Amino acid sequence: MLSQLEQQKVLECIAAAEAATSGELRVHLEAQCEKDPIARAIDLFYELGMQATEQRTGVLIYVAYEAKNWPSLVIKESMLV
């Protein structure tokens, strides 16, 4: 999946984005998505508690990195209202 260096870079990018905005970001990577990818991303959004951010600014970046039939998704809290 990601090397230690790549993981560190992702964490640094998340920290920089969170420092520059009111958004609370999470990145979720998994090999495959066994269900509808939008439904999976929404399930993960709630499982990770992203709907309960203080300013309702949660953002989930979901990537099923071996799936070849659909793009990565970004789900933000305001999309779920």
Protein backbone atom coordinates (compact mmCIF):
# COMPACT_ATOMS: atom_id res chain seq x y z
CA MET A 1 0.00 0.00 0.00
CA LEU A 2 1.92 3.10 1.18
CA SER A 3 5.50 3.18 2.37
CA GLN A 4 6.34 4.81 5.70
CA LEU A 5 7.56 7.90 3.83
CA GLU A 6 4.36 8.10 1.78
CA GLN A 7 2.25 7.70 4.92
CA GLN A 8 4.19 10.49 6.59
CA LYS A 9 3.65 12.76 3.58
CA VAL A 10 -0.10 12.07 3.64
CA LEU A 11 -0.22 12.89 7.37
CA GLU A 12 1.73 16.11 6.78
CA CYS A 13 -0.66 17.14 4.00
CA ILE A 14 -3.68 16.45 6.20
CA ALA A 15 -2.16 18.48 9.04
CA ALA A 16 -1.39 21.37 6.68
CA ALA A 17 -4.90 21.34 5.23
CA GLU A 18 -6.49 21.21 8.68
CA ALA A 19 -4.28 24.07 9.87
CA ALA A 20 -5.34 26.24 6.92
CA THR A 21 -9.08 25.51 7.08
CA SER A 22 -11.81 24.60 9.54
CA GLY A 23 -12.08 21.17 7.91
CA GLU A 24 -11.40 17.92 9.72
CA LEU A 25 -9.95 15.45 7.22
CA ARG A 26 -9.60 11.68 7.15
CA VAL A 27 -8.17 9.47 4.42
CA HIS A 28 -9.32 5.87 4.23
CA LEU A 29 -7.52 3.42 1.94
CA GLU A 30 -8.56 -0.13 1.24
CA ALA A 31 -7.78 -2.56 -1.56
CA GLN A 32 -11.27 -3.31 -2.83
CA CYS A 33 -14.79 -2.09 -2.37
CA GLU A 34 -17.25 -4.98 -2.19
CA LYS A 35 -20.34 -2.78 -2.36
CA ASP A 36 -21.48 0.44 -3.97
CA PRO A 37 -18.53 2.82 -3.40
CA ILE A 38 -20.71 5.77 -2.43
CA ALA A 39 -22.56 3.66 0.14
CA ARG A 40 -19.22 2.37 1.47
CA ALA A 41 -17.82 5.90 1.77
CA ILE A 42 -20.93 7.09 3.59
CA ASP A 43 -20.78 4.08 5.95
CA LEU A 44 -17.13 4.86 6.69
CA PHE A 45 -17.94 8.54 7.20
CA TYR A 46 -20.30 7.59 10.03
CA GLU A 47 -18.10 4.80 11.41
CA LEU A 48 -15.24 7.30 11.74
CA GLY A 49 -17.51 9.83 13.46
CA MET A 50 -17.00 12.43 10.76
CA GLN A 51 -20.62 13.59 11.07
CA ALA A 52 -19.92 14.79 14.61
CA THR A 53 -17.21 17.36 13.93
CA GLU A 54 -17.53 20.53 15.97
CA GLN A 55 -18.13 22.85 13.02
CA ARG A 56 -19.70 20.21 10.74
CA THR A 57 -16.71 20.37 8.43
CA GLY A 58 -15.75 16.69 8.26
CA VAL A 59 -14.24 15.46 4.99
CA LEU A 60 -13.48 11.84 4.12
CA ILE A 61 -11.24 10.94 1.20
CA TYR A 62 -11.97 7.31 0.34
CA VAL A 63 -9.75 5.31 -2.00
CA ALA A 64 -10.15 1.65 -2.96
CA TYR A 65 -6.74 1.48 -4.60
CA GLU A 66 -7.14 -1.80 -6.50
CA ALA A 67 -10.64 -1.07 -7.80
CA LYS A 68 -10.49 -0.21 -11.46
CA ASN A 69 -14.07 0.67 -12.29
CA TRP A 70 -14.66 3.88 -10.35
CA PRO A 71 -12.80 6.95 -9.10
CA SER A 72 -11.81 7.81 -5.55
CA LEU A 73 -14.44 9.68 -3.58
CA VAL A 74 -14.48 12.69 -1.33
CA ILE A 75 -17.44 12.85 1.05
CA LYS A 76 -17.98 15.99 3.08
CA GLU A 77 -20.40 16.53 5.90
CA SER A 78 -22.56 19.08 4.09
CA MET A 79 -23.30 16.48 1.36
CA LEU A 80 -25.06 14.27 3.91
CA VAL A 81 -27.51 16.79 5.31
